[in-house]
Protein backbone atom coordinates (compact mmCIF):
# COMPACT_ATOMS: atom_id res chain seq x y z
CA MET A 1 -0.01 0.00 -0.03
CA ILE A 2 1.40 3.41 -0.91
CA PRO A 3 0.53 6.10 1.62
CA SER A 4 -1.33 9.21 0.44
CA LEU A 5 -0.49 12.82 1.23
CA THR A 6 -3.77 13.74 2.75
CA ALA A 7 -2.82 12.67 6.32
CA LEU A 8 0.19 14.88 6.30
CA GLU A 9 -1.18 18.02 4.80
CA THR A 10 -3.95 18.45 7.39
CA ILE A 11 -1.61 19.21 10.26
CA THR A 12 0.33 22.31 9.31
CA GLY A 13 -0.14 22.94 5.73
CA HIS A 14 3.52 22.11 5.12
CA THR A 15 5.42 19.09 3.99
CA SER A 16 8.98 18.15 3.27
CA THR A 17 10.24 17.93 -0.35
CA ALA A 18 10.67 14.18 -0.22
CA ALA A 19 8.24 12.45 -2.57
CA ILE A 20 6.20 9.36 -1.52
CA PRO A 21 7.02 6.49 -3.80
CA THR A 22 6.25 7.29 -7.40
CA GLN A 23 6.11 3.84 -8.57
CA ALA A 24 5.94 0.42 -7.06
CA SER A 25 5.82 -3.15 -8.48
CA ALA A 26 3.83 -5.87 -6.96
CA PRO A 27 5.84 -8.43 -4.94
CA MET A 28 6.91 -11.49 -6.93
CA PRO A 29 5.67 -14.88 -5.84
CA GLY A 30 7.65 -16.30 -2.83
CA GLY A 31 8.22 -13.03 -0.88
CA THR A 32 9.17 -9.51 -1.16
CA ASP A 33 12.59 -9.83 -3.07
CA GLY A 34 10.91 -8.53 -6.16
CA ARG A 35 9.43 -5.48 -4.63
CA THR A 36 10.63 -2.32 -6.10
CA ILE A 37 9.97 1.23 -5.08
CA THR A 38 11.24 4.47 -6.69
CA ILE A 39 11.28 7.72 -4.63
CA THR A 40 12.70 11.23 -4.75
CA ASP A 41 14.45 12.12 -1.55
CA ASP A 42 14.84 15.51 0.07
CA SER A 43 17.99 16.14 -1.93
CA GLY A 44 16.03 15.78 -5.14
CA GLU A 45 17.81 12.41 -5.91
CA THR A 46 15.72 9.69 -7.53
CA VAL A 47 16.36 6.41 -5.58
CA THR A 48 15.08 2.91 -6.49
CA ILE A 49 14.81 0.49 -3.52
CA ARG A 50 14.60 -3.16 -4.48
CA GLY A 51 13.06 -5.52 -1.92
CA GLU A 52 12.39 -4.71 1.64
CA PRO A 53 15.74 -3.49 3.27
CA GLN A 54 16.92 -5.80 5.96
CA ARG A 55 20.12 -4.13 6.95
CA ILE A 56 19.70 -0.40 7.57
CA VAL A 57 22.37 2.13 8.58
CA SER A 58 21.23 5.43 9.98
CA LEU A 59 23.55 8.36 9.64
CA ALA A 60 21.54 10.84 11.83
CA PRO A 61 19.91 10.61 15.20
CA SER A 62 16.54 11.81 13.88
CA ASN A 63 16.43 9.07 11.34
CA THR A 64 17.27 6.57 13.96
CA GLU A 65 14.38 7.68 15.99
CA ILE A 66 11.98 7.36 13.05
CA LEU A 67 13.16 3.87 12.25
CA TYR A 68 12.59 2.75 15.86
CA ALA A 69 9.18 4.31 15.75
CA LEU A 70 8.50 2.01 12.82
CA ASP A 71 9.56 -1.04 14.91
CA LEU A 72 12.64 -1.52 12.74
CA GLY A 73 15.24 -1.74 15.53
CA ASP A 74 16.01 -5.34 14.62
CA ARG A 75 16.97 -4.26 11.10
CA ILE A 76 19.37 -1.49 12.11
CA VAL A 77 23.01 -2.48 11.74
CA GLY A 78 24.73 0.83 12.39
CA VAL A 79 24.00 4.27 13.70
CA ALA A 80 25.80 7.63 13.93
CA ASP A 81 27.70 8.18 17.14
CA ASN A 82 25.37 10.70 18.50
CA SER A 83 22.25 8.50 18.16
CA ASN A 84 21.15 8.35 21.76
CA TYR A 85 17.52 7.64 21.59
CA PRO A 86 15.70 5.22 22.33
CA PRO A 87 18.18 3.62 24.81
CA GLU A 88 18.46 0.53 22.61
CA THR A 89 20.78 2.53 20.28
CA ALA A 90 23.53 2.04 22.79
CA ASP A 91 23.88 -1.49 21.60
CA LYS A 92 24.08 -0.65 17.97
CA PRO A 93 27.41 -0.42 16.03
CA LYS A 94 28.55 3.09 15.67
CA VAL A 95 29.76 4.41 12.26
CA GLY A 96 31.20 7.69 13.16
CA GLY A 97 30.15 11.25 14.05
CA TYR A 98 27.23 13.10 12.39
CA SER A 99 29.70 14.98 10.15
CA THR A 100 32.54 12.59 10.33
CA ILE A 101 31.02 9.39 9.11
CA SER A 102 33.32 6.51 8.60
CA ILE A 103 32.83 5.06 5.03
CA GLU A 104 34.80 2.02 6.07
CA LYS A 105 32.54 1.32 8.94
CA VAL A 106 29.37 1.88 6.83
CA ILE A 107 30.76 -0.62 4.24
CA ALA A 108 31.51 -3.18 6.90
CA ALA A 109 27.94 -3.07 8.12
CA GLU A 110 26.86 -4.35 4.64
CA PRO A 111 23.68 -2.26 4.53
CA ASP A 112 21.08 -2.66 1.85
CA LEU A 113 19.67 0.92 2.87
CA ILE A 114 21.46 3.98 4.19
CA VAL A 115 19.36 6.75 5.62
CA ALA A 116 21.34 10.00 5.53
CA ALA A 117 21.02 13.68 6.42
CA PRO A 118 22.47 16.88 5.08
CA GLY A 119 25.03 17.20 7.83
CA ASN A 120 26.65 13.99 6.67
CA THR A 121 28.17 16.14 3.85
CA ASN A 122 27.75 15.77 0.15
CA GLU A 123 31.19 14.17 -0.15
CA VAL A 124 30.21 11.24 2.07
CA ILE A 125 26.87 10.70 0.53
CA GLY A 126 28.19 10.96 -2.95
CA HIS A 127 31.03 8.59 -2.17
CA LEU A 128 28.54 5.95 -0.71
CA ARG A 129 26.34 6.28 -3.80
CA SER A 130 29.43 5.87 -6.07
CA LEU A 131 30.08 2.62 -4.41
CA GLY A 132 26.60 1.36 -5.52
CA MET A 133 25.02 1.65 -2.12
CA THR A 134 21.29 2.67 -1.79
CA VAL A 135 21.21 6.02 0.08
CA ILE A 136 18.13 8.25 0.71
CA LEU A 137 18.50 11.61 2.27
CA LEU A 138 15.91 12.96 4.78
CA ASP A 139 15.66 16.75 5.63
CA PRO A 140 12.27 17.50 7.05
CA GLN A 141 11.80 21.31 7.50
CA THR A 142 8.35 21.25 9.41
CA ILE A 143 6.40 18.92 11.73
CA GLY A 144 4.34 18.04 8.66
CA GLY A 145 7.58 17.06 6.94
CA VAL A 146 8.52 14.71 9.80
CA LEU A 147 5.08 13.00 9.39
CA ARG A 148 5.76 12.59 5.73
CA GLU A 149 9.19 11.08 6.43
CA ILE A 150 7.63 8.49 8.66
CA GLU A 151 5.21 7.50 5.95
CA LEU A 152 8.04 7.50 3.29
CA LEU A 153 10.23 5.15 5.41
CA GLY A 154 7.27 2.90 6.16
CA ALA A 155 6.67 2.57 2.40
CA ILE A 156 10.29 1.86 1.73
CA THR A 157 10.63 -0.72 4.43
CA GLY A 158 7.26 -2.46 4.18
CA GLN A 159 6.05 -0.96 7.33
CA GLU A 160 3.04 1.04 6.01
CA GLU A 161 0.63 0.02 8.56
CA GLN A 162 3.00 0.98 11.43
CA ALA A 163 3.84 4.25 9.68
CA ALA A 164 0.11 5.12 9.38
CA ALA A 165 -0.63 4.26 13.00
CA SER A 166 2.29 6.29 14.17
CA VAL A 167 1.24 9.30 11.95
CA ARG A 168 -2.40 9.03 13.16
CA GLU A 169 -1.19 9.12 16.82
CA LEU A 170 1.04 12.06 16.27
CA GLN A 171 -1.72 13.90 14.50
CA ASP A 172 -4.19 13.33 17.34
CA ARG A 173 -1.62 14.68 19.85
CA ILE A 174 -0.96 17.78 17.69
CA ARG A 175 -4.74 18.48 17.48
CA THR A 176 -5.13 18.00 21.11
CA VAL A 177 -2.81 21.03 21.45
CA THR A 178 -4.01 23.14 18.58
CA ASP A 179 -7.70 22.70 19.31
CA LYS A 180 -7.02 24.68 22.53
CA THR A 181 -4.59 27.15 21.16
CA GLU A 182 -6.09 28.21 17.80
CA ALA A 183 -8.70 30.22 19.36
CA LEU A 184 -6.51 32.10 21.86
CA ALA A 185 -7.19 35.88 21.77
CA GLU A 186 -3.74 36.82 23.07
CA ARG A 187 -0.46 35.11 22.36
CA SER A 188 2.58 35.60 24.65
CA SER A 189 5.99 36.50 23.20
CA VAL A 190 8.49 33.67 23.43
CA ALA A 191 12.19 33.45 22.85
CA HIS A 192 14.17 30.22 22.48
CA VAL A 193 17.83 30.51 23.37
CA VAL A 194 20.40 28.04 21.97
CA TRP A 195 23.43 29.60 23.67
CA HIS A 196 23.98 32.61 25.84
CA ASP A 197 27.50 33.91 25.10
CA PRO A 198 26.81 35.31 22.54
CA ILE A 199 23.01 34.91 22.59
CA TRP A 200 21.82 32.63 19.84
CA VAL A 201 18.16 32.52 19.18
CA SER A 202 15.90 30.33 17.05
CA GLY A 203 14.17 32.35 14.28
CA ARG A 204 11.82 31.55 11.45
CA GLY A 205 12.46 28.32 9.46
CA THR A 206 13.26 26.35 12.61
CA PHE A 207 11.33 23.60 14.31
CA LEU A 208 11.22 25.73 17.50
CA ASP A 209 9.40 28.64 15.53
CA GLU A 210 6.63 26.27 14.45
CA VAL A 211 6.37 24.71 17.91
CA ILE A 212 6.00 28.12 19.56
CA THR A 213 3.19 29.03 17.12
CA LEU A 214 1.25 25.73 17.47
CA ALA A 215 1.68 25.91 21.23
CA GLY A 216 -0.11 29.32 21.22
CA GLY A 217 2.77 31.73 21.35
CA THR A 218 4.61 34.20 19.15
CA ASN A 219 8.30 33.94 18.40
CA ALA A 220 9.94 37.08 19.85
CA PHE A 221 12.59 36.66 17.18
CA GLY A 222 10.47 35.41 14.23
CA SER A 223 11.96 38.17 12.24
CA VAL A 224 15.36 36.65 12.05
CA ASP A 225 16.39 33.57 9.84
CA GLU A 226 16.97 30.21 11.32
CA TRP A 227 19.57 30.37 14.22
CA SER A 228 20.98 33.87 14.66
CA ILE A 229 23.01 35.86 17.15
CA VAL A 230 21.27 38.85 18.72
CA GLY A 231 22.93 41.51 20.81
CA PHE A 232 22.23 41.87 24.53
CA GLU A 233 20.47 45.24 24.11
CA GLU A 234 18.23 43.69 21.25
CA PHE A 235 17.24 40.84 23.42
CA VAL A 236 16.49 43.04 26.41
CA ALA A 237 14.41 45.37 24.13
CA ALA A 238 12.50 42.33 22.87
CA ASP A 239 11.56 41.53 26.62
CA PRO A 240 10.01 38.15 25.87
CA GLU A 241 7.29 37.01 28.28
CA TYR A 242 8.68 33.42 28.16
CA ILE A 243 12.08 32.19 27.60
CA LEU A 244 12.87 28.63 26.55
CA VAL A 245 16.46 27.55 26.88
CA SER A 246 18.16 24.50 25.48
CA SER A 247 19.81 21.85 27.63
CA GLY A 248 22.05 19.05 26.32
CA THR A 249 25.58 18.20 25.36
CA GLY A 250 27.96 21.05 26.09
CA MET A 251 25.20 22.86 27.99
CA ALA A 252 25.58 21.52 31.48
CA GLU A 253 28.23 21.72 34.24
CA GLY A 254 28.13 19.93 37.45
CA GLY A 255 24.49 18.84 36.84
CA ARG A 256 23.44 22.35 36.27
CA ASP A 257 21.90 23.93 33.04
CA ILE A 258 24.33 26.75 32.14
CA ILE A 259 21.93 28.71 29.92
CA TYR A 260 19.10 28.54 32.53
CA ASP A 261 21.52 29.67 35.24
CA TYR A 262 22.62 32.52 33.13
CA PHE A 263 19.22 34.00 32.63
CA VAL A 264 18.00 33.58 36.29
CA ASN A 265 21.16 34.81 37.88
CA GLU A 266 22.70 37.46 35.42
CA PRO A 267 21.92 40.88 37.12
CA ARG A 268 21.25 42.58 33.73
CA MET A 269 18.57 40.02 32.89
CA GLN A 270 16.46 40.52 36.00
CA ARG A 271 14.55 43.36 34.34
CA LEU A 272 12.98 40.93 31.84
CA LYS A 273 9.34 39.94 32.30
CA ALA A 274 10.18 36.27 31.80
CA VAL A 275 12.80 36.33 34.55
CA ARG A 276 10.69 38.35 36.94
CA ASN A 277 7.65 36.17 36.55
CA GLY A 278 9.53 32.77 36.71
CA HIS A 279 8.87 31.91 33.09
CA VAL A 280 12.35 30.49 32.08
CA TYR A 281 11.95 26.92 31.05
CA VAL A 282 14.53 24.26 30.05
CA VAL A 283 13.87 22.24 26.85
CA ASP A 284 15.89 19.23 25.82
CA ALA A 285 17.74 20.15 22.64
CA ASP A 286 17.51 16.61 21.22
CA ILE A 287 13.68 16.85 21.41
CA ILE A 288 13.20 20.26 20.07
CA SER A 289 15.85 20.32 17.28
CA ARG A 290 15.48 16.82 15.78
CA GLY A 291 13.24 16.03 12.85
CA SER A 292 11.80 13.00 14.68
CA PRO A 293 8.50 11.92 16.27
CA ARG A 294 9.70 13.55 19.52
CA ILE A 295 9.13 16.98 18.02
CA VAL A 296 5.46 16.42 19.17
CA ASP A 297 6.82 15.77 22.76
CA ALA A 298 8.39 19.19 22.47
CA LEU A 299 5.11 20.76 21.32
CA GLU A 300 3.23 19.27 24.27
CA GLU A 301 5.95 20.45 26.72
CA VAL A 302 5.99 24.05 25.44
CA ALA A 303 2.24 24.13 25.39
CA LYS A 304 2.25 23.19 29.05
CA ASP A 305 4.83 25.81 29.80
CA LEU A 306 2.94 28.61 28.00
CA HIS A 307 -0.44 27.65 29.10
CA PRO A 308 -0.61 25.62 32.30
CA ASP A 309 -4.20 26.64 32.78
CA LEU A 310 -5.05 24.71 29.50
CA PHE A 311 -2.65 21.80 29.65
CA GLY A 312 -1.53 21.37 33.25
CA THR A 313 1.63 22.14 35.03
CA GLY A 314 4.61 23.20 32.98
CA THR A 315 8.16 21.73 33.04
CA GLN A 316 10.15 24.49 34.65
CA THR A 317 13.46 23.18 35.88
CA ALA A 318 13.90 22.59 39.57
CA THR A 319 17.50 23.82 39.50
CA PRO A 320 17.86 26.41 42.44
CA ALA A 321 19.04 29.85 41.79
CA VAL A 322 22.61 30.47 42.77
CA GLN A 323 25.26 32.91 41.76
CA SER A 324 26.40 32.16 38.15
CA PRO A 325 29.85 30.43 38.13
CA GLY A 326 32.62 31.03 35.54
CA PHE A 327 32.08 28.70 32.73
CA GLY A 328 35.60 28.72 31.29
CA GLY A 329 35.86 26.16 28.55
CA MET A 330 32.22 25.43 28.59
CA ALA A 331 31.48 28.54 26.50
CA PHE A 332 33.68 27.14 23.67
CA THR A 333 31.96 23.76 23.87
CA GLY A 334 28.49 25.42 23.73
CA ALA A 335 29.63 27.57 20.77
CA LEU A 336 30.81 24.37 19.00
CA PHE A 337 27.43 22.85 19.70
CA VAL A 338 25.63 25.81 18.13
CA ALA A 339 27.90 25.63 15.01
CA PHE A 340 27.01 21.97 14.76
CA LEU A 341 23.34 22.63 15.08
CA ILE A 342 23.29 25.22 12.33
CA ARG A 343 25.33 22.96 10.00
CA ALA A 344 22.99 19.93 10.72
CA LYS A 345 19.97 22.11 9.94
CA ARG A 346 21.32 22.92 6.48
């Protein structure tokens, strides 16, 4: 069964550029070995997949999460080093960093399908294709695009029913949020901060921008493109009513969230509405930045943060306020993370 587009276009009005299979032949007698599907992936590449892939390598954590959501964990024979969800990924062979994939390790895994992402670099993807390997590239730009990728991978791997069920569940959860937020007369301004020194924020064209809108807020920096640096005075002038700060690799020290601590303890930030009202919230960077089913987890979390009256208690961090320590080398680590995040998005 080839999935339709209808289920995807009803959520946000946006989809990724990947095409659902354009042609498929009926399975030949005796199994699925004769099954052939041709798709156009997010890079515009036309790819033909013969048979149902049984040995899959994922070169990005977002792709890994989609594969597991389709109950394909037993077919995964390799993942990128930073694939950390679900926990079962810890037992999978690693094939290198997101932008430093080891072609030798990928070859050794003997995959019949490689699921790549833009951050893997054109050089690596092109090299793998030149070796005759089947590679598809996924790069969803919206929540609707994530749903589309789920159905696309479901069609490629013979997991159409699982994909359809997963999409329906995610759609229902999204509607549970938007049914309550669409009619809001007033929308609070929200800033998402990726790093604090300098201040990096999420602008238009990011998952966070869409999440804020669907959750019933307005991006305080929706006028800037993707992830951008804003000056201290510019941030203070925007005076967001809510501040969402990322947490994750390179963003913690001694069990504390560096960016959160900065905003709640930096004297110059105390004039901000969000800080005065206790509306600074921590969001897991893995959930909010990856094009995976967990982007809906992020939507639900942000909706609770912005509208506890509609969705219950928010998820504000329990980290106590103390004087902000000197971060030293952590600033460099955080800056590297931001650079990686932007490269991965592109």
